[in-house]
Amino acid sequence: MDAHNPYRPPGDLAIWIFILAELTVFGVFFASYAITRMNHVELFNQFQPTLDSTAAFYNTLALLTSSWFVVRGVTSIREGNSRGSVHWLLGAIAMGALFVIIKLGEYAHHFAMGINLSTNTFYMFYLSLTFFHFMHVIMGMVILAAVAVKAHQGGYSANNYTGVETGASYWHMVDLVWLILFPLVYVMR
């Protein structure tokens, strides 16, 4: 909660409208996946083990770590420590980059095997869901980078940190979506 107004969510209100819209889109995607899976259990059970659950686990660790770094960045700016905030945000971006590298490795493996959106229904959902999330990770990294640059330039302080909270809120949404996507696509049978 914002220390200046404990009845409002952290960050700018507009980001929360955007986050709710994005979560709605992901929710529709997840519901479509679940319904389709119920109607094609054998197909999904046959191809789900071809996914690299170890890579997905490392991606989960990377995003959880990045979210913790973002929390530390928000805490630092609230304490008036711009330099510390920048360092934590850069750490979060680095963890996001690790996620991107691992995910690109997964995609390269599947594409080398000739797998694409038209291979079958399972891969259509896998590639669509994970790529949609992948693009949100990239967007989150851009947002965090913009926030870090502004923080580095002295644009935030202990009295003015709404922008840092706004970027953090978006990043946490990206992390939350992965925490649903990972078990749904990689783990649940």
C-alpha atoms as a PDB file:
ATOM      1  CA  MET A   1       0.000   0.000   0.000  1.00  0.00           C
ATOM      2  CA  ASP A   2       1.062   3.549  -0.679  1.00  0.00           C
ATOM      3  CA  ALA A   3       2.342   5.189   2.509  1.00  0.00           C
ATOM      4  CA  HIS A   4       0.674   8.444   1.422  1.00  0.00           C
ATOM      5  CA  ASN A   5      -2.764   6.846   0.913  1.00  0.00           C
ATOM      6  CA  PRO A   6      -3.166   3.394   2.487  1.00  0.00           C
ATOM      7  CA  TYR A   7      -6.507   2.833   0.704  1.00  0.00           C
ATOM      8  CA  ARG A   8      -5.076   2.764  -2.818  1.00  0.00           C
ATOM      9  CA  PRO A   9      -3.040   0.016  -4.447  1.00  0.00           C
ATOM     10  CA  PRO A  10       0.658   0.767  -4.997  1.00  0.00           C
ATOM     11  CA  GLY A  11       1.573   2.620  -8.160  1.00  0.00           C
ATOM     12  CA  ASP A  12      -0.576   4.497 -10.600  1.00  0.00           C
ATOM     13  CA  LEU A  13      -4.252   3.541 -10.801  1.00  0.00           C
ATOM     14  CA  ALA A  14      -4.002   3.241 -14.612  1.00  0.00           C
ATOM     15  CA  ILE A  15      -1.570   0.321 -14.305  1.00  0.00           C
ATOM     16  CA  TRP A  16      -4.133  -1.566 -12.240  1.00  0.00           C
ATOM     17  CA  ILE A  17      -6.754  -1.136 -14.948  1.00  0.00           C
ATOM     18  CA  PHE A  18      -4.202  -2.421 -17.472  1.00  0.00           C
ATOM     19  CA  ILE A  19      -3.214  -5.320 -15.179  1.00  0.00           C
ATOM     20  CA  LEU A  20      -6.847  -6.350 -14.725  1.00  0.00           C
ATOM     21  CA  ALA A  21      -7.351  -6.278 -18.494  1.00  0.00           C
ATOM     22  CA  GLU A  22      -4.227  -8.387 -19.036  1.00  0.00           C
ATOM     23  CA  LEU A  23      -5.228 -10.867 -16.340  1.00  0.00           C
ATOM     24  CA  THR A  24      -8.621 -11.194 -18.008  1.00  0.00           C
ATOM     25  CA  VAL A  25      -6.972 -12.058 -21.327  1.00  0.00           C
ATOM     26  CA  PHE A  26      -4.683 -14.599 -19.665  1.00  0.00           C
ATOM     27  CA  GLY A  27      -7.670 -15.999 -17.744  1.00  0.00           C
ATOM     28  CA  VAL A  28      -9.554 -16.595 -20.994  1.00  0.00           C
ATOM     29  CA  PHE A  29      -6.434 -18.227 -22.452  1.00  0.00           C
ATOM     30  CA  PHE A  30      -6.054 -20.475 -19.383  1.00  0.00           C
ATOM     31  CA  ALA A  31      -9.735 -21.434 -19.389  1.00  0.00           C
ATOM     32  CA  SER A  32      -9.545 -22.285 -23.108  1.00  0.00           C
ATOM     33  CA  TYR A  33      -6.466 -24.416 -22.446  1.00  0.00           C
ATOM     34  CA  ALA A  34      -8.184 -26.259 -19.575  1.00  0.00           C
ATOM     35  CA  ILE A  35     -11.386 -26.920 -21.510  1.00  0.00           C
ATOM     36  CA  THR A  36      -9.489 -28.097 -24.586  1.00  0.00           C
ATOM     37  CA  ARG A  37      -7.266 -30.297 -22.424  1.00  0.00           C
ATOM     38  CA  MET A  38     -10.350 -31.959 -20.891  1.00  0.00           C
ATOM     39  CA  ASN A  39     -11.538 -32.818 -24.401  1.00  0.00           C
ATOM     40  CA  HIS A  40      -8.122 -34.055 -25.610  1.00  0.00           C
ATOM     41  CA  VAL A  41      -6.550 -35.618 -22.514  1.00  0.00           C
ATOM     42  CA  GLU A  42      -4.637 -38.289 -24.431  1.00  0.00           C
ATOM     43  CA  LEU A  43      -3.089 -35.760 -26.844  1.00  0.00           C
ATOM     44  CA  PHE A  44      -2.040 -33.423 -24.042  1.00  0.00           C
ATOM     45  CA  ASN A  45      -0.680 -36.299 -21.924  1.00  0.00           C
ATOM     46  CA  GLN A  46       1.305 -37.576 -24.915  1.00  0.00           C
ATOM     47  CA  PHE A  47       3.037 -34.275 -25.735  1.00  0.00           C
ATOM     48  CA  GLN A  48       3.291 -32.549 -22.363  1.00  0.00           C
ATOM     49  CA  PRO A  49       6.295 -34.717 -21.358  1.00  0.00           C
ATOM     50  CA  THR A  50       8.190 -33.371 -24.390  1.00  0.00           C
ATOM     51  CA  LEU A  51       8.415 -29.999 -22.667  1.00  0.00           C
ATOM     52  CA  ASP A  52      11.534 -29.167 -20.686  1.00  0.00           C
ATOM     53  CA  SER A  53      10.146 -28.954 -17.152  1.00  0.00           C
ATOM     54  CA  THR A  54      13.658 -28.424 -15.755  1.00  0.00           C
ATOM     55  CA  ALA A  55      14.086 -25.295 -17.885  1.00  0.00           C
ATOM     56  CA  ALA A  56      10.619 -24.161 -16.814  1.00  0.00           C
ATOM     57  CA  PHE A  57      11.572 -24.715 -13.157  1.00  0.00           C
ATOM     58  CA  TYR A  58      14.705 -22.570 -13.603  1.00  0.00           C
ATOM     59  CA  ASN A  59      12.550 -19.931 -15.268  1.00  0.00           C
ATOM     60  CA  THR A  60      10.248 -20.030 -12.251  1.00  0.00           C
ATOM     61  CA  LEU A  61      13.213 -19.476  -9.939  1.00  0.00           C
ATOM     62  CA  ALA A  62      14.435 -16.617 -12.155  1.00  0.00           C
ATOM     63  CA  LEU A  63      11.066 -14.848 -12.042  1.00  0.00           C
ATOM     64  CA  LEU A  64      10.584 -15.385  -8.312  1.00  0.00           C
ATOM     65  CA  THR A  65      14.065 -14.010  -7.695  1.00  0.00           C
ATOM     66  CA  SER A  66      13.373 -11.065  -9.981  1.00  0.00           C
ATOM     67  CA  SER A  67      10.187 -10.249  -8.084  1.00  0.00           C
ATOM     68  CA  TRP A  68      12.096 -10.296  -4.812  1.00  0.00           C
ATOM     69  CA  PHE A  69      14.665  -7.943  -6.383  1.00  0.00           C
ATOM     70  CA  VAL A  70      11.829  -5.623  -7.454  1.00  0.00           C
ATOM     71  CA  VAL A  71      10.447  -5.609  -3.894  1.00  0.00           C
ATOM     72  CA  ARG A  72      13.913  -4.664  -2.648  1.00  0.00           C
ATOM     73  CA  GLY A  73      14.063  -1.908  -5.283  1.00  0.00           C
ATOM     74  CA  VAL A  74      10.758  -0.446  -4.093  1.00  0.00           C
ATOM     75  CA  THR A  75      11.870  -0.685  -0.473  1.00  0.00           C
ATOM     76  CA  SER A  76      15.147   1.058  -1.307  1.00  0.00           C
ATOM     77  CA  ILE A  77      13.473   4.013  -3.027  1.00  0.00           C
ATOM     78  CA  ARG A  78      10.960   4.347  -0.191  1.00  0.00           C
ATOM     79  CA  GLU A  79      13.978   4.680   2.101  1.00  0.00           C
ATOM     80  CA  GLY A  80      15.450   7.347  -0.195  1.00  0.00           C
ATOM     81  CA  ASN A  81      18.149   5.068  -1.587  1.00  0.00           C
ATOM     82  CA  SER A  82      18.009   5.681  -5.350  1.00  0.00           C
ATOM     83  CA  ARG A  83      21.301   3.950  -6.004  1.00  0.00           C
ATOM     84  CA  GLY A  84      20.168   0.812  -4.164  1.00  0.00           C
ATOM     85  CA  SER A  85      16.851   0.885  -6.008  1.00  0.00           C
ATOM     86  CA  VAL A  86      18.624   1.045  -9.359  1.00  0.00           C
ATOM     87  CA  HIS A  87      20.847  -1.909  -8.457  1.00  0.00           C
ATOM     88  CA  TRP A  88      17.894  -4.047  -7.372  1.00  0.00           C
ATOM     89  CA  LEU A  89      15.952  -3.150 -10.507  1.00  0.00           C
ATOM     90  CA  LEU A  90      18.947  -4.039 -12.684  1.00  0.00           C
ATOM     91  CA  GLY A  91      19.126  -7.374 -10.858  1.00  0.00           C
ATOM     92  CA  ALA A  92      15.459  -7.964 -11.681  1.00  0.00           C
ATOM     93  CA  ILE A  93      16.121  -7.132 -15.338  1.00  0.00           C
ATOM     94  CA  ALA A  94      19.045  -9.581 -15.338  1.00  0.00           C
ATOM     95  CA  MET A  95      16.758 -12.327 -13.990  1.00  0.00           C
ATOM     96  CA  GLY A  96      14.226 -11.411 -16.684  1.00  0.00           C
ATOM     97  CA  ALA A  97      17.002 -11.737 -19.276  1.00  0.00           C
ATOM     98  CA  LEU A  98      17.859 -15.168 -17.877  1.00  0.00           C
ATOM     99  CA  PHE A  99      14.210 -16.158 -18.304  1.00  0.00           C
ATOM    100  CA  VAL A 100      14.287 -14.942 -21.917  1.00  0.00           C
ATOM    101  CA  ILE A 101      17.498 -16.854 -22.696  1.00  0.00           C
ATOM    102  CA  ILE A 102      16.154 -20.101 -21.224  1.00  0.00           C
ATOM    103  CA  LYS A 103      12.818 -19.701 -23.023  1.00  0.00           C
ATOM    104  CA  LEU A 104      14.575 -18.972 -26.335  1.00  0.00           C
ATOM    105  CA  GLY A 105      16.524 -22.211 -25.841  1.00  0.00           C
ATOM    106  CA  GLU A 106      13.253 -24.086 -25.391  1.00  0.00           C
ATOM    107  CA  TYR A 107      11.777 -22.512 -28.498  1.00  0.00           C
ATOM    108  CA  ALA A 108      14.909 -23.253 -30.543  1.00  0.00           C
ATOM    109  CA  HIS A 109      14.752 -26.908 -29.497  1.00  0.00           C
ATOM    110  CA  HIS A 110      11.087 -27.239 -30.484  1.00  0.00           C
ATOM    111  CA  PHE A 111      11.496 -25.378 -33.769  1.00  0.00           C
ATOM    112  CA  ALA A 112      14.512 -27.544 -34.639  1.00  0.00           C
ATOM    113  CA  MET A 113      12.250 -30.571 -34.138  1.00  0.00           C
ATOM    114  CA  GLY A 114       9.810 -29.086 -36.658  1.00  0.00           C
ATOM    115  CA  ILE A 115       7.258 -28.131 -34.013  1.00  0.00           C
ATOM    116  CA  ASN A 116       5.132 -25.060 -34.696  1.00  0.00           C
ATOM    117  CA  LEU A 117       1.638 -23.701 -34.034  1.00  0.00           C
ATOM    118  CA  SER A 118       0.075 -26.110 -36.542  1.00  0.00           C
ATOM    119  CA  THR A 119       1.775 -29.280 -35.243  1.00  0.00           C
ATOM    120  CA  ASN A 120      -1.166 -30.124 -32.975  1.00  0.00           C
ATOM    121  CA  THR A 121      -3.555 -28.549 -30.483  1.00  0.00           C
ATOM    122  CA  PHE A 122      -1.230 -29.055 -27.523  1.00  0.00           C
ATOM    123  CA  TYR A 123       1.712 -27.279 -29.174  1.00  0.00           C
ATOM    124  CA  MET A 124      -0.588 -24.543 -30.442  1.00  0.00           C
ATOM    125  CA  PHE A 125      -1.559 -23.783 -26.845  1.00  0.00           C
ATOM    126  CA  TYR A 126       1.964 -24.241 -25.483  1.00  0.00           C
ATOM    127  CA  LEU A 127       3.545 -21.921 -28.035  1.00  0.00           C
ATOM    128  CA  SER A 128       0.739 -19.345 -27.894  1.00  0.00           C
ATOM    129  CA  LEU A 129       0.522 -19.165 -24.107  1.00  0.00           C
ATOM    130  CA  THR A 130       4.248 -19.131 -23.445  1.00  0.00           C
ATOM    131  CA  PHE A 131       4.996 -16.664 -26.255  1.00  0.00           C
ATOM    132  CA  PHE A 132       2.270 -14.297 -25.074  1.00  0.00           C
ATOM    133  CA  HIS A 133       3.812 -14.439 -21.609  1.00  0.00           C
ATOM    134  CA  PHE A 134       7.329 -14.146 -23.098  1.00  0.00           C
ATOM    135  CA  MET A 135       6.322 -10.847 -24.729  1.00  0.00           C
ATOM    136  CA  HIS A 136       5.026  -9.606 -21.374  1.00  0.00           C
ATOM    137  CA  VAL A 137       8.394 -10.430 -19.804  1.00  0.00           C
ATOM    138  CA  ILE A 138      10.130  -8.353 -22.493  1.00  0.00           C
ATOM    139  CA  MET A 139       7.695  -5.476 -21.934  1.00  0.00           C
ATOM    140  CA  GLY A 140       8.253  -5.744 -18.181  1.00  0.00           C
ATOM    141  CA  MET A 141      12.008  -5.561 -18.674  1.00  0.00           C
ATOM    142  CA  VAL A 142      11.577  -2.412 -20.779  1.00  0.00           C
ATOM    143  CA  ILE A 143       9.376  -0.864 -18.081  1.00  0.00           C
ATOM    144  CA  LEU A 144      11.858  -1.756 -15.330  1.00  0.00           C
ATOM    145  CA  ALA A 145      14.714  -0.356 -17.437  1.00  0.00           C
ATOM    146  CA  ALA A 146      12.847   2.950 -17.903  1.00  0.00           C
ATOM    147  CA  VAL A 147      12.169   3.097 -14.161  1.00  0.00           C
ATOM    148  CA  ALA A 148      15.827   2.312 -13.376  1.00  0.00           C
ATOM    149  CA  VAL A 149      17.044   5.054 -15.743  1.00  0.00           C
ATOM    150  CA  LYS A 150      14.705   7.600 -14.164  1.00  0.00           C
ATOM    151  CA  ALA A 151      15.768   6.489 -10.679  1.00  0.00           C
ATOM    152  CA  HIS A 152      19.431   6.783 -11.697  1.00  0.00           C
ATOM    153  CA  GLN A 153      18.734  10.343 -12.879  1.00  0.00           C
ATOM    154  CA  GLY A 154      17.186  11.224  -9.512  1.00  0.00           C
ATOM    155  CA  GLY A 155      13.605  11.125 -10.747  1.00  0.00           C
ATOM    156  CA  TYR A 156      12.359   9.263  -7.674  1.00  0.00           C
ATOM    157  CA  SER A 157      12.756   9.863  -3.965  1.00  0.00           C
ATOM    158  CA  ALA A 158      11.418   8.748  -0.602  1.00  0.00           C
ATOM    159  CA  ASN A 159       8.521  11.177  -1.178  1.00  0.00           C
ATOM    160  CA  ASN A 160       7.920  10.397  -4.853  1.00  0.00           C
ATOM    161  CA  TYR A 161       8.154   6.742  -5.840  1.00  0.00           C
ATOM    162  CA  THR A 162       4.838   6.003  -7.542  1.00  0.00           C
ATOM    163  CA  GLY A 163       6.611   5.238 -10.833  1.00  0.00           C
ATOM    164  CA  VAL A 164       8.755   2.576  -9.161  1.00  0.00           C
ATOM    165  CA  GLU A 165       5.656   0.995  -7.620  1.00  0.00           C
ATOM    166  CA  THR A 166       3.894   1.129 -10.978  1.00  0.00           C
ATOM    167  CA  GLY A 167       6.707  -0.741 -12.733  1.00  0.00           C
ATOM    168  CA  ALA A 168       6.889  -3.200  -9.835  1.00  0.00           C
ATOM    169  CA  SER A 169       3.150  -3.869 -10.010  1.00  0.00           C
ATOM    170  CA  TYR A 170       3.376  -4.751 -13.703  1.00  0.00           C
ATOM    171  CA  TRP A 171       6.384  -7.013 -13.080  1.00  0.00           C
ATOM    172  CA  HIS A 172       4.564  -8.854 -10.296  1.00  0.00           C
ATOM    173  CA  MET A 173       1.640  -9.448 -12.664  1.00  0.00           C
ATOM    174  CA  VAL A 174       4.052 -11.050 -15.149  1.00  0.00           C
ATOM    175  CA  ASP A 175       5.403 -13.248 -12.358  1.00  0.00           C
ATOM    176  CA  LEU A 176       1.905 -14.184 -11.156  1.00  0.00           C
ATOM    177  CA  VAL A 177       0.875 -15.260 -14.650  1.00  0.00           C
ATOM    178  CA  TRP A 178       3.942 -17.517 -14.896  1.00  0.00           C
ATOM    179  CA  LEU A 179       3.110 -19.072 -11.527  1.00  0.00           C
ATOM    180  CA  ILE A 180      -0.200 -20.164 -13.049  1.00  0.00           C
ATOM    181  CA  LEU A 181       1.161 -21.016 -16.495  1.00  0.00           C
ATOM    182  CA  PHE A 182       4.055 -23.176 -15.242  1.00  0.00           C
ATOM    183  CA  PRO A 183       2.006 -25.798 -13.385  1.00  0.00           C
ATOM    184  CA  LEU A 184      -0.878 -25.620 -15.855  1.00  0.00           C
ATOM    185  CA  VAL A 185       1.222 -26.333 -18.945  1.00  0.00           C
ATOM    186  CA  TYR A 186       4.315 -28.118 -17.631  1.00  0.00           C
ATOM    187  CA  VAL A 187       3.269 -30.006 -14.500  1.00  0.00           C
ATOM    188  CA  MET A 188      -0.429 -30.849 -14.191  1.00  0.00           C
ATOM    189  CA  ARG A 189      -1.429 -34.157 -15.752  1.00  0.00           C
END
